[in-house]
Protein backbone atom coordinates (compact mmCIF):
# COMPACT_ATOMS: atom_id res chain seq x y z
CA LEU A 1 20.72 116.18 180.29
CA ARG A 2 24.25 114.89 181.27
CA ILE A 3 25.78 114.81 184.88
CA ALA A 4 29.09 112.99 185.61
CA LEU A 5 31.30 112.78 188.60
CA ILE A 6 34.92 112.70 187.84
CA ARG A 7 37.73 111.94 190.23
CA THR A 8 40.67 114.32 189.45
CA SER A 9 44.39 113.68 189.78
CA ASP A 10 44.48 115.37 193.23
CA GLU A 11 41.82 112.86 194.34
CA ARG A 12 39.21 115.40 194.39
CA ARG A 13 35.62 114.85 192.91
CA ARG A 14 34.37 117.10 190.27
CA PHE A 15 30.75 117.21 188.99
CA VAL A 16 30.53 118.11 185.35
CA TRP A 17 27.05 118.72 184.09
CA SER A 18 25.39 119.90 181.10
CA ILE A 19 21.79 120.82 180.16
CA HIS A 20 20.19 121.37 176.78
CA HIS A 21 17.46 124.03 176.37
CA ILE A 22 15.55 121.61 174.20
CA LEU A 23 14.61 119.69 177.38
CA VAL A 24 14.69 122.13 180.34
CA ASP A 25 14.97 125.72 181.22
CA GLY A 26 17.23 127.53 183.56
CA TRP A 27 14.79 127.41 186.38
CA SER A 28 14.67 123.64 186.07
CA ALA A 29 18.37 123.34 186.12
CA ALA A 30 18.34 124.94 189.67
CA LEU A 31 15.79 122.31 190.76
CA ILE A 32 17.83 119.55 189.19
CA LEU A 33 21.01 120.64 190.76
CA LYS A 34 19.33 120.75 194.10
CA GLU A 35 18.19 117.14 193.84
CA VAL A 36 21.66 116.10 192.64
CA PHE A 37 23.45 117.63 195.63
CA THR A 38 20.73 116.30 197.98
CA PHE A 39 21.23 112.77 196.94
CA TYR A 40 25.08 113.17 196.88
CA ASP A 41 25.15 114.75 200.25
CA ALA A 42 22.89 111.87 201.67
CA PHE A 43 24.70 109.09 200.01
CA SER A 44 28.23 110.40 201.15
CA ALA A 45 26.80 110.31 204.76
CA GLY A 46 25.30 106.90 204.29
CA LYS A 47 21.76 108.11 204.41
CA THR A 48 18.67 107.83 202.47
CA PRO A 49 17.76 110.96 200.61
CA ARG A 50 14.39 112.83 201.28
CA ILE A 51 13.07 114.63 198.38
CA GLU A 52 9.82 116.44 198.17
CA PRO A 53 7.68 114.91 195.44
CA ALA A 54 7.47 117.01 192.28
CA ARG A 55 4.33 117.58 190.01
CA SER A 56 4.77 116.19 186.57
CA TYR A 57 5.43 118.49 183.55
CA VAL A 58 2.43 116.60 181.82
CA GLU A 59 0.14 118.63 184.06
CA PHE A 60 1.24 121.82 182.43
CA ILE A 61 0.93 120.29 178.87
CA ARG A 62 -2.68 119.38 179.84
CA TRP A 63 -3.37 122.89 180.77
CA LEU A 64 -1.68 124.30 177.64
CA LYS A 65 -3.93 122.15 175.38
CA LYS A 66 -7.03 123.64 176.96
CA GLN A 67 -6.02 127.28 176.29
CA ASP A 68 -8.08 129.41 173.77
CA LEU A 69 -5.89 130.63 171.14
CA GLN A 70 -8.58 132.71 169.71
CA ARG A 71 -8.24 135.15 172.48
CA ALA A 72 -4.54 135.29 172.25
CA GLU A 73 -4.84 135.96 168.53
CA THR A 74 -7.18 138.93 169.11
CA PHE A 75 -4.77 140.32 171.68
CA PHE A 76 -1.71 140.01 169.35
CA ARG A 77 -3.35 141.27 166.23
CA THR A 78 -4.17 144.36 168.19
CA ALA A 79 -0.74 144.68 169.76
CA LEU A 80 1.17 144.28 166.41
CA ALA A 81 -1.32 146.40 164.30
CA GLY A 82 0.53 148.59 161.98
CA PHE A 83 3.85 147.04 162.40
CA THR A 84 4.92 145.82 158.94
CA ALA A 85 8.72 145.30 159.19
CA PRO A 86 11.35 144.50 161.80
CA THR A 87 13.07 147.35 163.50
CA ARG A 88 16.22 148.26 161.72
CA LEU A 89 19.44 147.84 163.93
CA GLY A 90 21.00 150.69 162.00
CA VAL A 91 24.57 149.86 162.87
CA ASP A 92 25.01 146.34 161.04
CA GLU A 93 26.09 145.28 157.55
CA PRO A 94 24.37 142.73 155.25
CA ALA A 95 25.60 139.26 156.23
CA SER A 96 28.36 137.55 154.17
CA GLY A 97 30.63 134.63 154.39
CA GLU A 98 30.41 131.59 156.67
CA GLU A 99 28.35 131.72 159.80
CA ARG A 100 30.31 133.13 162.75
CA PHE A 101 29.20 134.29 166.19
CA GLY A 102 30.94 136.78 168.62
CA GLU A 103 30.42 137.76 172.29
CA ARG A 104 31.25 140.93 174.24
CA SER A 105 30.29 141.80 177.85
CA LEU A 106 30.09 144.57 180.31
CA VAL A 107 29.78 144.37 184.01
CA LEU A 108 28.67 147.24 186.17
CA PRO A 109 30.24 147.01 189.73
CA GLU A 110 28.30 146.52 192.83
CA ALA A 111 27.87 150.27 193.62
CA GLU A 112 26.48 151.08 190.30
CA ALA A 113 24.13 148.02 190.35
CA ALA A 114 22.82 148.95 193.69
CA GLU A 115 21.99 152.52 192.32
CA LEU A 116 20.04 150.82 189.48
CA ALA A 117 18.25 148.54 191.94
CA SER A 118 17.26 151.43 194.21
CA PHE A 119 16.03 153.54 191.26
CA ALA A 120 13.91 150.53 190.17
CA ARG A 121 12.48 150.18 193.66
CA ARG A 122 11.55 153.82 193.75
CA GLN A 123 9.83 153.61 190.46
CA GLN A 124 8.12 150.40 191.42
CA ILE A 125 9.61 148.45 188.37
CA THR A 126 11.85 145.51 188.02
CA ILE A 127 15.36 145.55 187.00
CA SER A 128 14.38 143.52 183.94
CA THR A 129 11.96 146.24 182.81
CA LEU A 130 14.63 148.78 183.39
CA VAL A 131 17.14 146.88 181.13
CA GLN A 132 14.22 146.34 178.47
CA GLY A 133 13.49 150.13 178.52
CA VAL A 134 17.08 151.05 177.93
CA TRP A 135 17.46 148.43 174.99
CA ALA A 136 14.14 149.98 173.49
CA LEU A 137 15.55 153.55 173.76
CA LEU A 138 18.86 152.23 172.13
CA LEU A 139 16.95 150.62 169.26
CA SER A 140 15.12 153.77 168.81
CA ARG A 141 18.18 155.81 168.61
CA TYR A 142 19.93 153.35 166.10
CA SER A 143 16.82 152.85 163.80
CA GLY A 144 15.72 156.43 163.96
CA GLU A 145 12.17 155.22 164.78
CA GLU A 146 10.00 155.90 167.90
CA ASP A 147 8.05 152.56 167.34
CA VAL A 148 10.40 149.58 168.01
CA LEU A 149 9.96 145.86 168.46
CA PHE A 150 12.32 143.29 170.00
CA GLY A 151 11.95 139.74 171.52
CA ALA A 152 12.04 139.17 175.10
CA THR A 153 12.23 135.74 176.95
CA VAL A 154 9.65 135.00 179.72
CA SER A 155 9.57 132.30 182.27
CA GLY A 156 6.23 130.75 181.24
CA ARG A 157 5.55 129.88 184.82
CA SER A 158 2.74 132.07 185.55
CA ALA A 159 0.34 129.64 184.46
CA PRO A 160 -2.28 128.66 187.17
CA VAL A 161 -0.84 125.02 187.46
CA PRO A 162 -0.46 123.90 191.06
CA GLY A 163 3.23 123.22 191.79
CA ILE A 164 4.40 124.68 188.61
CA ASP A 165 7.37 126.27 190.32
CA ARG A 166 8.79 122.84 191.10
CA MET A 167 8.22 121.31 187.76
CA VAL A 168 11.14 120.25 185.62
CA GLY A 169 10.61 120.90 181.93
CA LEU A 170 10.71 123.71 179.23
CA PHE A 171 8.53 126.52 180.15
CA ILE A 172 10.41 129.67 178.75
CA ASN A 173 8.97 131.31 175.67
CA THR A 174 9.91 134.32 173.55
CA LEU A 175 7.44 137.14 173.07
CA PRO A 176 7.53 140.43 171.00
CA VAL A 177 7.80 143.57 172.99
CA ARG A 178 6.53 146.61 171.11
CA SER A 179 7.48 149.82 172.51
CA SER A 180 6.62 153.48 171.75
CA VAL A 181 9.59 155.56 172.61
CA SER A 182 8.43 159.12 172.61
CA PRO A 183 11.37 161.52 173.12
CA THR A 184 9.14 163.81 175.40
CA LEU A 185 8.53 161.05 177.92
CA THR A 186 10.60 160.88 181.02
CA ALA A 187 12.22 157.65 182.13
CA PRO A 188 9.86 156.85 184.98
CA ALA A 189 6.71 157.37 182.81
CA PHE A 190 8.23 155.36 179.91
CA LEU A 191 9.26 152.63 182.21
CA LYS A 192 6.02 152.30 184.13
CA ALA A 193 4.20 151.99 180.76
CA LEU A 194 6.55 149.31 179.65
CA GLN A 195 5.98 147.40 182.87
CA ALA A 196 2.24 147.56 182.47
CA GLN A 197 2.61 146.22 178.98
CA GLN A 198 4.64 143.34 180.48
CA ALA A 199 1.74 142.74 183.05
CA GLU A 200 -0.58 142.43 180.01
CA LEU A 201 1.67 139.99 178.26
CA ARG A 202 1.69 137.68 181.31
CA ASP A 203 -1.58 136.17 180.33
CA TYR A 204 -0.15 135.11 176.95
CA GLU A 205 3.18 133.73 178.02
CA HIS A 206 2.22 130.13 176.70
CA VAL A 207 1.38 131.39 173.02
CA PRO A 208 4.05 130.09 170.55
CA LEU A 209 6.10 132.64 168.80
CA VAL A 210 5.31 130.95 165.39
CA GLU A 211 1.57 131.65 165.90
CA ILE A 212 2.26 135.13 167.07
CA GLN A 213 4.15 135.60 163.78
CA GLY A 214 1.13 134.56 161.93
CA TYR A 215 -1.11 137.25 163.56
CA SER A 216 1.14 140.04 162.61
CA GLU A 217 1.05 142.07 159.47
CA LEU A 218 4.67 141.17 158.42
CA PRO A 219 5.17 138.94 155.23
CA ARG A 220 5.25 135.25 155.76
CA GLY A 221 8.70 134.33 156.45
CA THR A 222 9.96 137.60 157.76
CA PRO A 223 11.02 137.64 161.35
CA LEU A 224 9.17 139.88 163.86
CA PHE A 225 12.43 140.96 165.27
CA GLU A 226 16.26 140.71 164.79
CA SER A 227 17.22 141.25 168.46
CA LEU A 228 16.33 139.21 171.52
CA LEU A 229 16.65 140.34 175.19
CA VAL A 230 17.12 137.68 177.80
CA PHE A 231 17.10 138.68 181.54
CA ASP A 232 18.47 135.69 183.43
CA ASN A 233 17.05 135.52 186.90
CA TYR A 234 17.39 131.58 187.32
CA PRO A 235 19.02 130.84 190.65
CA VAL A 236 21.41 128.11 189.41
CA GLU A 237 24.52 129.38 191.18
CA ALA A 238 22.67 130.59 194.23
CA THR A 239 20.91 127.13 194.59
CA ALA A 240 24.09 125.26 194.15
CA ARG A 241 25.97 127.23 196.85
CA LYS A 242 23.14 126.82 199.43
CA GLU A 243 22.39 123.23 198.79
CA ALA A 244 25.76 121.74 198.39
CA LYS A 245 27.13 120.61 201.70
CA THR A 246 30.06 118.59 200.69
CA VAL A 247 31.09 120.10 197.40
CA SER A 248 31.89 123.64 196.28
CA MET A 249 30.52 125.37 193.14
CA VAL A 250 32.55 127.19 190.60
CA GLU A 251 31.21 129.79 188.26
CA PRO A 252 28.89 128.04 185.61
CA ARG A 253 29.56 128.74 182.17
CA VAL A 254 26.74 129.07 179.46
CA SER A 255 27.42 128.28 175.79
CA GLU A 256 24.89 129.96 173.42
CA ARG A 257 24.48 130.51 169.66
CA PRO A 258 22.29 133.45 169.00
CA ALA A 259 19.24 132.60 166.94
CA TYR A 260 19.01 136.36 166.02
CA ALA A 261 21.45 138.88 164.79
CA LEU A 262 21.58 140.25 168.36
CA MET A 263 21.02 138.67 171.68
CA VAL A 264 21.38 140.70 174.90
CA VAL A 265 21.64 138.85 178.07
CA GLY A 266 21.30 140.57 181.38
CA VAL A 267 22.16 139.05 184.72
CA PHE A 268 21.59 140.98 187.98
CA ARG A 269 23.26 139.47 191.27
CA ARG A 270 25.22 141.86 193.25
CA THR A 271 26.73 143.39 189.92
CA LEU A 272 24.77 143.83 186.71
CA SER A 273 26.17 142.02 183.80
CA LEU A 274 25.25 142.71 180.12
CA LYS A 275 26.47 140.26 177.51
CA ILE A 276 25.68 140.68 173.75
CA GLY A 277 26.08 137.53 171.63
CA TYR A 278 26.03 138.66 167.74
CA ASP A 279 26.21 137.53 164.27
CA ALA A 280 29.87 138.37 163.52
CA ARG A 281 29.09 138.54 159.75
CA ARG A 282 27.05 141.69 160.38
CA PHE A 283 28.72 143.29 163.29
CA ASP A 284 32.36 143.79 164.19
CA ASP A 285 33.86 143.78 167.65
CA GLY A 286 34.17 147.62 167.80
CA THR A 287 30.46 148.05 167.00
CA ILE A 288 29.37 145.88 169.79
CA GLU A 289 31.67 147.36 172.28
CA ARG A 290 30.20 150.82 171.47
CA MET A 291 26.80 149.48 171.81
CA LEU A 292 27.52 148.27 175.42
CA GLY A 293 29.02 151.75 176.03
CA HIS A 294 25.76 153.33 174.84
CA LEU A 295 23.55 151.04 176.94
CA ARG A 296 25.71 151.96 180.03
CA ALA A 297 25.37 155.77 179.35
CA LEU A 298 21.70 155.47 178.80
CA LEU A 299 21.29 153.64 181.98
CA GLU A 300 23.32 155.97 183.89
CA GLY A 301 21.46 158.98 182.25
CA MET A 302 18.05 157.63 183.42
CA ILE A 303 19.27 157.18 186.96
CA ALA A 304 20.93 160.54 187.25
CA GLU A 305 18.39 162.70 185.64
CA PRO A 306 14.96 160.90 185.70
CA ALA A 307 13.11 164.13 185.08
CA ARG A 308 14.88 164.78 181.85
CA PRO A 309 12.86 163.73 178.70
CA LEU A 310 14.29 160.53 176.88
CA GLY A 311 15.07 162.66 173.82
CA GLU A 312 17.72 164.64 175.80
CA LEU A 313 19.63 161.80 177.37
CA SER A 314 23.06 161.29 175.85
CA MET A 315 24.24 157.82 174.76
CA LEU A 316 27.76 158.89 174.34
CA ARG A 317 30.49 157.74 176.79
CA PRO A 318 32.94 160.58 177.94
CA GLU A 319 35.80 159.34 175.73
CA GLU A 320 33.39 159.03 172.56
CA ARG A 321 32.13 162.55 173.16
CA ARG A 322 35.77 163.82 173.41
CA ALA A 323 36.47 161.93 170.09
CA LEU A 324 33.55 163.47 168.33
CA LEU A 325 33.81 166.84 169.60
CA VAL A 326 37.54 167.19 169.79
CA GLY A 327 39.49 164.54 168.13
CA TYR A 328 37.57 164.25 164.83
CA ASN A 329 37.56 168.00 164.74
CA ASP A 330 41.35 168.41 165.01
CA THR A 331 41.66 169.36 161.34
CA VAL A 332 44.10 172.22 161.67
CA ALA A 333 46.27 172.26 158.49
CA PRO A 334 48.33 174.81 156.79
CA TYR A 335 46.38 177.04 154.49
CA PRO A 336 47.74 179.96 152.36
CA GLY A 337 45.47 182.52 153.90
CA GLU A 338 46.52 185.29 151.45
CA LYS A 339 45.03 183.54 148.39
CA THR A 340 41.28 183.16 147.56
CA PHE A 341 39.76 179.76 146.84
CA GLN A 342 39.51 180.63 143.09
CA GLU A 343 43.18 181.36 142.94
CA LEU A 344 44.20 178.16 144.60
CA PHE A 345 41.88 176.28 142.10
CA GLU A 346 43.57 177.84 139.17
CA GLU A 347 46.80 176.95 140.49
CA GLN A 348 45.55 173.33 140.71
CA VAL A 349 44.54 173.67 136.95
CA ASP A 350 47.98 174.71 135.87
CA ARG A 351 49.47 171.78 137.79
CA SER A 352 47.28 169.13 136.52
CA PRO A 353 44.61 170.33 133.96
CA GLU A 354 43.67 166.62 132.83
CA ARG A 355 43.20 165.22 136.33
CA ILE A 356 39.46 164.60 137.21
CA ALA A 357 38.15 167.30 139.23
CA LEU A 358 34.51 166.21 139.48
CA SER A 359 32.92 162.82 139.36
CA PHE A 360 29.14 162.34 139.53
CA GLU A 361 26.84 159.50 138.30
CA GLY A 362 29.33 158.30 135.68
CA ARG A 363 30.20 161.85 134.54
CA GLU A 364 33.86 162.85 134.81
CA ILE A 365 35.00 166.49 134.33
CA GLY A 366 38.73 167.43 134.42
CA TYR A 367 40.32 170.62 136.03
CA GLN A 368 40.83 172.47 132.75
CA ALA A 369 37.28 171.63 131.53
CA LEU A 370 35.73 172.79 134.79
CA ASP A 371 37.93 175.97 134.76
CA GLU A 372 36.89 176.99 131.27
CA ARG A 373 33.05 176.36 131.89
CA SER A 374 33.13 178.27 135.15
CA ASN A 375 35.04 181.14 133.41
CA ARG A 376 32.35 181.40 130.73
CA LEU A 377 29.77 181.65 133.47
CA ALA A 378 31.80 184.22 135.38
CA HIS A 379 32.13 186.52 132.38
CA LEU A 380 28.34 186.24 131.62
CA LEU A 381 27.77 187.17 135.39
CA ILE A 382 30.11 190.16 135.24
CA GLU A 383 28.14 191.40 132.17
CA ARG A 384 25.05 191.11 134.34
CA GLY A 385 26.59 193.48 136.89
CA VAL A 386 27.98 190.84 139.31
CA GLY A 387 30.91 191.84 141.52
CA PRO A 388 31.95 192.42 145.07
CA GLY A 389 28.88 192.83 147.26
CA VAL A 390 26.58 191.32 144.80
CA LEU A 391 24.50 188.12 145.84
CA VAL A 392 23.66 185.45 143.20
CA GLY A 393 20.95 182.91 143.89
CA ILE A 394 21.87 179.43 142.94
CA ALA A 395 18.79 176.96 142.74
CA ALA A 396 20.29 173.69 141.48
CA GLU A 397 20.13 170.00 142.19
CA ARG A 398 23.31 168.21 143.33
CA SER A 399 25.34 168.08 140.12
CA PRO A 400 28.50 169.16 138.25
CA GLU A 401 26.43 172.25 137.08
CA MET A 402 25.96 173.35 140.68
CA VAL A 403 29.69 173.26 141.22
CA MET A 404 30.32 175.20 138.17
CA GLY A 405 27.72 177.79 139.36
CA LEU A 406 29.40 178.30 142.74
CA LEU A 407 32.81 178.55 141.29
CA GLY A 408 31.62 180.97 138.52
CA VAL A 409 30.01 183.33 141.06
CA LEU A 410 33.31 183.41 143.03
CA LYS A 411 35.32 184.05 139.98
CA ALA A 412 33.05 186.96 139.23
CA GLY A 413 33.60 188.38 142.54
CA GLY A 414 30.18 187.93 143.97
CA ALA A 415 28.87 185.88 146.70
CA TYR A 416 26.24 183.02 146.22
CA VAL A 417 22.96 182.13 147.90
CA PRO A 418 21.98 178.53 147.93
CA ILE A 419 18.35 177.92 147.27
CA ASP A 420 16.69 174.38 147.29
CA PRO A 421 14.69 174.21 144.09
CA ALA A 422 12.31 171.64 145.78
CA SER A 423 11.32 174.26 148.21
CA PRO A 424 7.63 175.48 148.12
CA GLU A 425 7.08 178.58 145.87
CA GLU A 426 6.27 180.63 149.02
CA ARG A 427 9.59 179.76 150.54
CA LEU A 428 11.57 180.47 147.32
CA LEU A 429 10.01 184.00 147.01
CA PHE A 430 10.71 184.66 150.53
CA LEU A 431 14.38 183.64 150.12
CA LEU A 432 14.71 185.77 147.01
CA GLU A 433 13.19 188.89 148.67
CA ASP A 434 14.99 188.55 152.03
CA SER A 435 18.41 187.95 150.41
CA ARG A 436 17.91 190.68 147.81
CA VAL A 437 19.61 188.56 145.21
CA THR A 438 19.80 190.61 141.77
CA VAL A 439 20.80 187.57 139.58
């Protein structure tokens, strides 16, 4: 802990202070600031400061040593049963190069934040639960899994220790949050279930994460999760503005290096701020910007249409939807409409017979070779009666032979019916009967 009082060039005094999380948590920071300002204001007025005696952190440690980890083990083994791998983030790349960190943020203005708060009150959940629910939903969308797991910080001050709310020390802990994101659930039902789960976890806020890791079914050394959600409700700034009589408070700055690939920090005051710290070796800025946009879209969707199932909520922002539906589909190009595909292909054969036409798993076939092989197949099909109006079934794995088959059918004048050879026999028979293929 470091606090300094600096006299600036304009004869003003400025407090500069920093606190390391290895010693104290954010709640303690507010308590410390309150005492610092109380002392400063009293000394400035020539008075003796009066401070209410605080309970010692040692009392919490004593309580901690008495806790039964056997009960906690039973709880977490049950809660994590069947979970054998961290939830995939889905939009990242393998880490490479030197360690680098990035940060991006999004602020929802007061009007939108007020709507979120109103929705939370109606559903009888906290803003923290709402943000956790949206993050779980986004993880589900990115990973393609309904069963997701992420980390969340807890205050750790729910222990029945007298005066714990006024103790200075490190109480925060990180716990795993496992969420079942069923696409058929509505937002209210999903969020209430998540809040009930949080209430259960409150009895185990003191259990070290390293112990919980050992209770899981993940291999030793494998992290339980790769994303951490922190909801900051420490009243540092509010306390400073309220307690400081002779000094003014500027916006506090927090410097953090994420211990996980992704760390989402939510702060709700009059606005809702969402900040993502990330491993810049695995995510680029654009990916994180889109992630923040998806979080916002899902939040807005939950509020606007609470009765809609989670699976129907869109995570796309309007500009992203336009890009996907309009921008990327703007593929209009000149095309010689009076020629068939096979005619265009043969012109390409004449222009560059030796150029590679097909490349597949190490095999390369030139235009002329592909043309000759598809021509031989076309002649065979014509002998079998294939021509205009005749359907030819093609059951082939992804391969050069499949392409030769498609081209050969077109050159014979017929039309092809693609059939997946991996389909069950009943399905294959149905396709052959229904399409009336003759070859």
